[in-house]
């Protein structure tokens, strides 16, 4: 359910221990260049988190979960028992139906009603079309 974890190597040279700092000071080595290099590579957490969250598609997953929740409360229980939304891409809601008989019933007689209800709840920009498939 969760994406596999990946190892992210630390940026820049490793931090110096107090012992290493004391030895560098005793030897007369200037560490300010190394410290500046490490400081230049730091990035605010906001920039890192926004990139990570966009990679995980959190917003689209949240909207898909909201659609599934509304679907279960808004639709006829017979439809809910046989059809469930599985994804939303580019304004098209994908719905899996458990049999070809129910697929035919929904596509022929209920498609317009379902689309109208969902567009009323979420807006015409979010859900433009519905694609039903047996799955």
N, C-alpha and C. Protein backbone atom coordinates (compact mmCIF):
# COMPACT_ATOMS: atom_id res chain seq x y z
N UNK A 1 0.82 -1.18 0.00
CA UNK A 1 0.00 0.00 0.00
C UNK A 1 0.87 1.25 0.00
N UNK A 2 1.96 1.25 0.76
CA UNK A 2 2.86 2.39 0.80
C UNK A 2 4.00 2.16 -0.19
N UNK A 3 4.50 3.24 -0.80
CA UNK A 3 5.63 3.05 -1.71
C UNK A 3 6.87 2.60 -0.95
N UNK A 4 7.75 1.85 -1.61
CA UNK A 4 8.96 1.39 -0.91
C UNK A 4 9.83 2.56 -0.51
N UNK A 5 10.49 2.42 0.62
CA UNK A 5 11.38 3.47 1.10
C UNK A 5 12.67 3.46 0.30
N UNK A 6 13.18 4.63 0.04
CA UNK A 6 14.44 4.74 -0.66
C UNK A 6 15.43 5.45 0.25
N UNK A 7 16.68 5.08 0.14
CA UNK A 7 17.72 5.70 0.95
C UNK A 7 18.11 7.02 0.32
N UNK A 8 18.11 8.08 1.10
CA UNK A 8 18.52 9.40 0.64
C UNK A 8 19.85 9.71 1.31
N UNK A 9 20.93 9.79 0.55
CA UNK A 9 22.24 10.06 1.17
C UNK A 9 22.28 11.48 1.72
N UNK A 10 23.05 11.71 2.78
CA UNK A 10 23.15 13.05 3.35
C UNK A 10 23.84 13.99 2.37
N UNK A 11 23.44 15.25 2.43
CA UNK A 11 24.04 16.26 1.56
C UNK A 11 25.33 16.78 2.16
N UNK A 12 26.32 16.98 1.31
CA UNK A 12 27.57 17.62 1.73
C UNK A 12 28.44 16.72 2.58
N UNK A 13 29.54 17.29 3.07
CA UNK A 13 30.46 16.51 3.90
C UNK A 13 29.82 16.23 5.26
N UNK A 14 30.26 15.17 5.92
CA UNK A 14 29.68 14.84 7.22
C UNK A 14 29.99 15.91 8.26
N UNK A 15 29.12 16.01 9.27
CA UNK A 15 29.34 16.98 10.34
C UNK A 15 30.58 16.61 11.13
N UNK A 16 31.26 17.63 11.59
CA UNK A 16 32.47 17.41 12.38
C UNK A 16 32.11 17.22 13.85
N UNK A 17 32.80 16.31 14.48
CA UNK A 17 32.60 16.09 15.91
C UNK A 17 33.40 17.17 16.67
N UNK A 18 33.09 17.39 17.93
CA UNK A 18 33.86 18.37 18.72
C UNK A 18 35.35 18.02 18.76
N UNK A 19 35.66 16.73 18.77
CA UNK A 19 37.07 16.31 18.77
C UNK A 19 37.76 16.75 17.49
N UNK A 20 37.09 16.55 16.35
CA UNK A 20 37.68 16.94 15.06
C UNK A 20 37.85 18.45 14.97
N UNK A 21 36.90 19.20 15.53
CA UNK A 21 37.02 20.67 15.55
C UNK A 21 38.22 21.12 16.37
N UNK A 22 38.37 20.49 17.54
CA UNK A 22 39.49 20.85 18.42
C UNK A 22 40.83 20.54 17.76
N UNK A 23 40.92 19.39 17.10
CA UNK A 23 42.15 19.03 16.40
C UNK A 23 42.43 20.00 15.24
N UNK A 24 41.38 20.39 14.51
CA UNK A 24 41.57 21.33 13.41
C UNK A 24 42.03 22.68 13.92
N UNK A 25 41.46 23.13 15.06
CA UNK A 25 41.88 24.40 15.64
C UNK A 25 43.33 24.32 16.12
N UNK A 26 43.72 23.20 16.73
CA UNK A 26 45.07 23.02 17.22
C UNK A 26 46.09 22.99 16.08
N UNK A 27 45.67 22.37 14.96
CA UNK A 27 46.56 22.28 13.80
C UNK A 27 46.55 23.57 12.97
N UNK A 28 45.62 24.47 13.27
CA UNK A 28 45.55 25.74 12.54
C UNK A 28 44.84 25.63 11.20
N UNK A 29 43.94 24.68 11.06
CA UNK A 29 43.21 24.49 9.81
C UNK A 29 41.92 25.31 9.87
N UNK A 30 41.66 26.05 8.82
CA UNK A 30 40.45 26.86 8.74
C UNK A 30 39.33 26.00 8.14
N UNK A 31 38.30 25.74 8.93
CA UNK A 31 37.18 24.91 8.48
C UNK A 31 36.00 25.73 7.97
N UNK A 32 36.13 27.04 7.90
CA UNK A 32 34.99 27.86 7.50
C UNK A 32 34.54 27.57 6.07
N UNK A 33 35.47 27.23 5.16
CA UNK A 33 35.07 26.92 3.78
C UNK A 33 34.20 25.68 3.72
N UNK A 34 34.57 24.66 4.48
CA UNK A 34 33.78 23.42 4.51
C UNK A 34 32.41 23.68 5.14
N UNK A 35 32.38 24.51 6.19
CA UNK A 35 31.11 24.81 6.84
C UNK A 35 30.21 25.63 5.92
N UNK A 36 30.79 26.58 5.16
CA UNK A 36 30.00 27.36 4.21
C UNK A 36 29.45 26.48 3.11
N UNK A 37 30.25 25.53 2.64
CA UNK A 37 29.78 24.61 1.60
C UNK A 37 28.59 23.80 2.09
N UNK A 38 28.67 23.33 3.31
CA UNK A 38 27.58 22.54 3.89
C UNK A 38 26.34 23.43 4.07
N UNK A 39 26.53 24.67 4.50
CA UNK A 39 25.41 25.58 4.71
C UNK A 39 24.75 25.95 3.39
N UNK A 40 25.51 26.05 2.31
CA UNK A 40 24.94 26.41 1.01
C UNK A 40 24.06 25.30 0.45
N UNK A 41 24.31 24.08 0.85
CA UNK A 41 23.54 22.95 0.33
C UNK A 41 22.25 22.70 1.09
N UNK A 42 22.08 23.35 2.20
CA UNK A 42 20.86 23.12 2.97
C UNK A 42 19.68 23.74 2.24
N UNK A 43 18.53 23.11 2.41
CA UNK A 43 17.30 23.61 1.81
C UNK A 43 16.22 23.64 2.88
N UNK A 44 15.29 24.57 2.76
CA UNK A 44 14.21 24.60 3.75
C UNK A 44 13.34 23.35 3.64
N UNK A 45 12.78 22.92 4.77
CA UNK A 45 11.95 21.72 4.80
C UNK A 45 10.73 21.87 3.89
N UNK A 46 10.23 23.07 3.76
CA UNK A 46 9.05 23.31 2.92
C UNK A 46 9.32 22.89 1.47
N UNK A 47 10.51 23.23 0.97
CA UNK A 47 10.85 22.89 -0.41
C UNK A 47 10.99 21.38 -0.59
N UNK A 48 11.58 20.74 0.38
CA UNK A 48 11.77 19.29 0.29
C UNK A 48 10.43 18.57 0.41
N UNK A 49 9.61 18.97 1.39
CA UNK A 49 8.32 18.32 1.60
C UNK A 49 7.39 18.49 0.41
N UNK A 50 7.35 19.67 -0.18
CA UNK A 50 6.46 19.87 -1.32
C UNK A 50 6.86 18.96 -2.48
N UNK A 51 8.15 18.77 -2.67
CA UNK A 51 8.62 17.88 -3.75
C UNK A 51 8.26 16.43 -3.44
N UNK A 52 8.44 16.02 -2.20
CA UNK A 52 8.12 14.65 -1.81
C UNK A 52 6.62 14.39 -1.94
N UNK A 53 5.81 15.32 -1.45
CA UNK A 53 4.36 15.14 -1.51
C UNK A 53 3.84 15.13 -2.94
N UNK A 54 4.42 15.94 -3.80
CA UNK A 54 3.97 15.93 -5.20
C UNK A 54 4.35 14.61 -5.85
N UNK A 55 5.48 14.04 -5.46
CA UNK A 55 5.88 12.74 -5.98
C UNK A 55 4.96 11.62 -5.53
N UNK A 56 4.40 11.76 -4.35
CA UNK A 56 3.47 10.75 -3.82
C UNK A 56 2.04 10.95 -4.30
N UNK A 57 1.77 12.07 -4.96
CA UNK A 57 0.43 12.41 -5.47
C UNK A 57 -0.61 12.41 -4.34
N UNK A 58 -0.25 13.06 -3.23
CA UNK A 58 -1.13 13.09 -2.07
C UNK A 58 -2.47 13.76 -2.39
N UNK A 59 -2.43 14.87 -3.12
CA UNK A 59 -3.67 15.60 -3.42
C UNK A 59 -4.63 14.75 -4.24
N UNK A 60 -4.11 14.08 -5.27
CA UNK A 60 -5.00 13.26 -6.10
C UNK A 60 -5.54 12.08 -5.31
N UNK A 61 -4.73 11.50 -4.43
CA UNK A 61 -5.21 10.39 -3.61
C UNK A 61 -6.28 10.85 -2.62
N UNK A 62 -6.11 12.05 -2.11
CA UNK A 62 -7.11 12.59 -1.17
C UNK A 62 -8.43 12.81 -1.90
N UNK A 63 -8.38 13.35 -3.12
CA UNK A 63 -9.61 13.58 -3.86
C UNK A 63 -10.27 12.26 -4.25
N UNK A 64 -9.47 11.24 -4.60
CA UNK A 64 -10.04 9.93 -4.92
C UNK A 64 -10.72 9.31 -3.70
N UNK A 65 -10.14 9.48 -2.52
CA UNK A 65 -10.75 8.96 -1.30
C UNK A 65 -12.06 9.70 -1.00
N UNK A 66 -12.08 10.99 -1.25
CA UNK A 66 -13.30 11.77 -1.03
C UNK A 66 -14.40 11.35 -2.00
N UNK A 67 -14.02 11.08 -3.25
CA UNK A 67 -15.00 10.62 -4.24
C UNK A 67 -15.58 9.28 -3.82
N UNK A 68 -14.74 8.36 -3.36
CA UNK A 68 -15.22 7.04 -2.93
C UNK A 68 -16.18 7.18 -1.74
N UNK A 69 -15.86 8.08 -0.83
CA UNK A 69 -16.72 8.29 0.35
C UNK A 69 -18.08 8.84 -0.07
N UNK A 70 -18.08 9.84 -0.95
CA UNK A 70 -19.33 10.43 -1.41
C UNK A 70 -20.11 9.42 -2.25
N UNK A 71 -19.41 8.65 -3.06
CA UNK A 71 -20.04 7.63 -3.90
C UNK A 71 -20.89 6.68 -3.04
N UNK A 72 -20.32 6.23 -1.93
CA UNK A 72 -21.03 5.27 -1.08
C UNK A 72 -22.27 5.86 -0.42
N UNK A 73 -22.28 7.17 -0.20
CA UNK A 73 -23.44 7.80 0.45
C UNK A 73 -24.44 8.38 -0.55
N UNK A 74 -23.98 8.70 -1.75
CA UNK A 74 -24.82 9.42 -2.71
C UNK A 74 -25.55 8.49 -3.66
N UNK A 75 -24.96 7.37 -3.99
CA UNK A 75 -25.53 6.49 -5.00
C UNK A 75 -26.52 5.51 -4.40
N UNK A 76 -27.33 4.95 -5.29
CA UNK A 76 -28.28 3.90 -4.96
C UNK A 76 -27.50 2.70 -4.39
N UNK A 77 -27.97 2.10 -3.29
CA UNK A 77 -27.25 0.96 -2.70
C UNK A 77 -27.00 -0.20 -3.67
N UNK A 78 -27.90 -0.39 -4.64
CA UNK A 78 -27.70 -1.45 -5.63
C UNK A 78 -26.48 -1.14 -6.51
N UNK A 79 -26.30 0.10 -6.86
CA UNK A 79 -25.14 0.49 -7.67
C UNK A 79 -23.87 0.38 -6.84
N UNK A 80 -23.93 0.83 -5.59
CA UNK A 80 -22.76 0.77 -4.71
C UNK A 80 -22.33 -0.68 -4.50
N UNK A 81 -23.27 -1.60 -4.45
CA UNK A 81 -22.95 -3.00 -4.24
C UNK A 81 -22.22 -3.62 -5.43
N UNK A 82 -22.38 -3.04 -6.61
CA UNK A 82 -21.80 -3.64 -7.82
C UNK A 82 -20.78 -2.77 -8.54
N UNK A 83 -20.62 -1.52 -8.13
CA UNK A 83 -19.68 -0.63 -8.83
C UNK A 83 -18.97 0.27 -7.82
N UNK A 84 -17.66 0.42 -7.99
CA UNK A 84 -16.86 1.27 -7.11
C UNK A 84 -15.86 2.10 -7.92
N UNK A 85 -15.71 3.39 -7.59
CA UNK A 85 -14.70 4.21 -8.28
C UNK A 85 -13.30 3.76 -7.90
N UNK A 86 -12.39 3.75 -8.89
CA UNK A 86 -11.02 3.29 -8.63
C UNK A 86 -9.97 4.34 -8.94
N UNK A 87 -10.34 5.41 -9.64
CA UNK A 87 -9.34 6.42 -9.95
C UNK A 87 -9.93 7.60 -10.70
N UNK A 88 -9.18 8.68 -10.68
CA UNK A 88 -9.58 9.91 -11.38
C UNK A 88 -8.36 10.45 -12.10
N UNK A 89 -8.46 10.56 -13.43
CA UNK A 89 -7.35 11.09 -14.23
C UNK A 89 -7.89 12.02 -15.30
N UNK A 90 -7.35 13.22 -15.31
CA UNK A 90 -7.69 14.22 -16.34
C UNK A 90 -9.19 14.42 -16.49
N UNK A 91 -9.91 14.44 -15.39
CA UNK A 91 -11.34 14.70 -15.43
C UNK A 91 -12.19 13.47 -15.70
N UNK A 92 -11.59 12.31 -15.89
CA UNK A 92 -12.34 11.08 -16.13
C UNK A 92 -12.30 10.21 -14.88
N UNK A 93 -13.48 9.87 -14.38
CA UNK A 93 -13.60 8.99 -13.23
C UNK A 93 -13.71 7.56 -13.74
N UNK A 94 -12.82 6.69 -13.27
CA UNK A 94 -12.84 5.29 -13.67
C UNK A 94 -13.56 4.48 -12.59
N UNK A 95 -14.54 3.67 -13.04
CA UNK A 95 -15.36 2.90 -12.12
C UNK A 95 -15.31 1.43 -12.54
N UNK A 96 -14.98 0.56 -11.59
CA UNK A 96 -15.01 -0.89 -11.83
C UNK A 96 -16.38 -1.43 -11.47
N UNK A 97 -16.93 -2.27 -12.36
CA UNK A 97 -18.23 -2.91 -12.15
C UNK A 97 -17.97 -4.41 -12.07
N UNK A 98 -18.70 -5.09 -11.19
CA UNK A 98 -18.38 -6.50 -10.93
C UNK A 98 -18.88 -7.49 -11.98
N UNK A 99 -19.79 -7.10 -12.87
CA UNK A 99 -20.25 -8.04 -13.90
C UNK A 99 -20.67 -7.26 -15.15
N UNK A 100 -20.70 -7.97 -16.26
CA UNK A 100 -21.10 -7.33 -17.52
C UNK A 100 -22.58 -6.97 -17.53
N UNK A 101 -23.39 -7.71 -16.78
CA UNK A 101 -24.82 -7.40 -16.68
C UNK A 101 -25.01 -6.04 -16.02
N UNK A 102 -24.32 -5.82 -14.90
CA UNK A 102 -24.43 -4.53 -14.22
C UNK A 102 -23.78 -3.42 -15.04
N UNK A 103 -22.73 -3.73 -15.75
CA UNK A 103 -22.10 -2.74 -16.62
C UNK A 103 -23.10 -2.25 -17.66
N UNK A 104 -23.80 -3.18 -18.28
CA UNK A 104 -24.81 -2.82 -19.28
C UNK A 104 -25.93 -1.99 -18.66
N UNK A 105 -26.41 -2.40 -17.49
CA UNK A 105 -27.48 -1.68 -16.78
C UNK A 105 -27.06 -0.23 -16.47
N UNK A 106 -25.87 -0.08 -15.93
CA UNK A 106 -25.40 1.25 -15.54
C UNK A 106 -25.15 2.13 -16.76
N UNK A 107 -24.50 1.58 -17.76
CA UNK A 107 -24.17 2.39 -18.95
C UNK A 107 -25.42 2.80 -19.70
N UNK A 108 -26.38 1.90 -19.82
CA UNK A 108 -27.60 2.21 -20.58
C UNK A 108 -28.54 3.15 -19.84
N UNK A 109 -28.77 2.88 -18.56
CA UNK A 109 -29.86 3.57 -17.87
C UNK A 109 -29.44 4.53 -16.76
N UNK A 110 -28.26 4.37 -16.21
CA UNK A 110 -27.90 5.16 -15.03
C UNK A 110 -26.72 6.09 -15.22
N UNK A 111 -26.01 6.03 -16.32
CA UNK A 111 -24.78 6.81 -16.51
C UNK A 111 -25.03 8.31 -16.34
N UNK A 112 -26.04 8.84 -16.98
CA UNK A 112 -26.32 10.29 -16.92
C UNK A 112 -26.67 10.71 -15.49
N UNK A 113 -27.48 9.91 -14.81
CA UNK A 113 -27.87 10.22 -13.43
C UNK A 113 -26.64 10.24 -12.51
N UNK A 114 -25.78 9.25 -12.65
CA UNK A 114 -24.57 9.17 -11.82
C UNK A 114 -23.66 10.36 -12.09
N UNK A 115 -23.44 10.67 -13.36
CA UNK A 115 -22.58 11.81 -13.72
C UNK A 115 -23.15 13.11 -13.18
N UNK A 116 -24.46 13.31 -13.31
CA UNK A 116 -25.08 14.54 -12.81
C UNK A 116 -24.92 14.67 -11.29
N UNK A 117 -25.11 13.59 -10.57
CA UNK A 117 -24.97 13.64 -9.11
C UNK A 117 -23.54 13.97 -8.70
N UNK A 118 -22.57 13.33 -9.34
CA UNK A 118 -21.17 13.58 -8.98
C UNK A 118 -20.74 14.99 -9.38
N UNK A 119 -21.19 15.46 -10.53
CA UNK A 119 -20.85 16.83 -10.94
C UNK A 119 -21.49 17.85 -10.03
N UNK A 120 -22.68 17.55 -9.53
CA UNK A 120 -23.32 18.46 -8.59
C UNK A 120 -22.52 18.53 -7.28
N UNK A 121 -21.96 17.40 -6.86
CA UNK A 121 -21.19 17.36 -5.61
C UNK A 121 -19.79 17.92 -5.75
N UNK A 122 -19.10 17.63 -6.87
CA UNK A 122 -17.69 17.99 -7.01
C UNK A 122 -17.42 19.06 -8.05
N UNK A 123 -18.37 19.37 -8.89
CA UNK A 123 -18.16 20.38 -9.92
C UNK A 123 -17.85 19.74 -11.26
N UNK A 124 -18.22 20.44 -12.32
CA UNK A 124 -18.03 19.92 -13.68
C UNK A 124 -16.56 19.92 -14.10
N UNK A 125 -15.73 20.74 -13.46
CA UNK A 125 -14.31 20.78 -13.81
C UNK A 125 -13.57 19.54 -13.30
N UNK A 126 -13.99 19.04 -12.14
CA UNK A 126 -13.28 17.91 -11.54
C UNK A 126 -13.66 16.59 -12.22
N UNK A 127 -14.96 16.37 -12.44
CA UNK A 127 -15.43 15.13 -13.07
C UNK A 127 -16.15 15.51 -14.36
N UNK A 128 -15.50 15.26 -15.48
CA UNK A 128 -16.07 15.58 -16.79
C UNK A 128 -16.73 14.37 -17.44
N UNK A 129 -16.15 13.19 -17.22
CA UNK A 129 -16.62 11.96 -17.83
C UNK A 129 -16.51 10.81 -16.84
N UNK A 130 -17.25 9.73 -17.13
CA UNK A 130 -17.14 8.51 -16.35
C UNK A 130 -16.87 7.37 -17.31
N UNK A 131 -15.91 6.54 -16.95
CA UNK A 131 -15.58 5.36 -17.73
C UNK A 131 -15.84 4.14 -16.87
N UNK A 132 -16.79 3.30 -17.29
CA UNK A 132 -17.12 2.08 -16.57
C UNK A 132 -16.42 0.91 -17.26
N UNK A 133 -15.93 -0.04 -16.46
CA UNK A 133 -15.32 -1.24 -17.01
C UNK A 133 -15.50 -2.41 -16.03
N UNK A 134 -15.52 -3.61 -16.59
CA UNK A 134 -15.67 -4.80 -15.76
C UNK A 134 -14.32 -5.06 -15.11
N UNK A 135 -14.34 -5.24 -13.81
CA UNK A 135 -13.06 -5.49 -13.14
C UNK A 135 -13.22 -5.94 -11.77
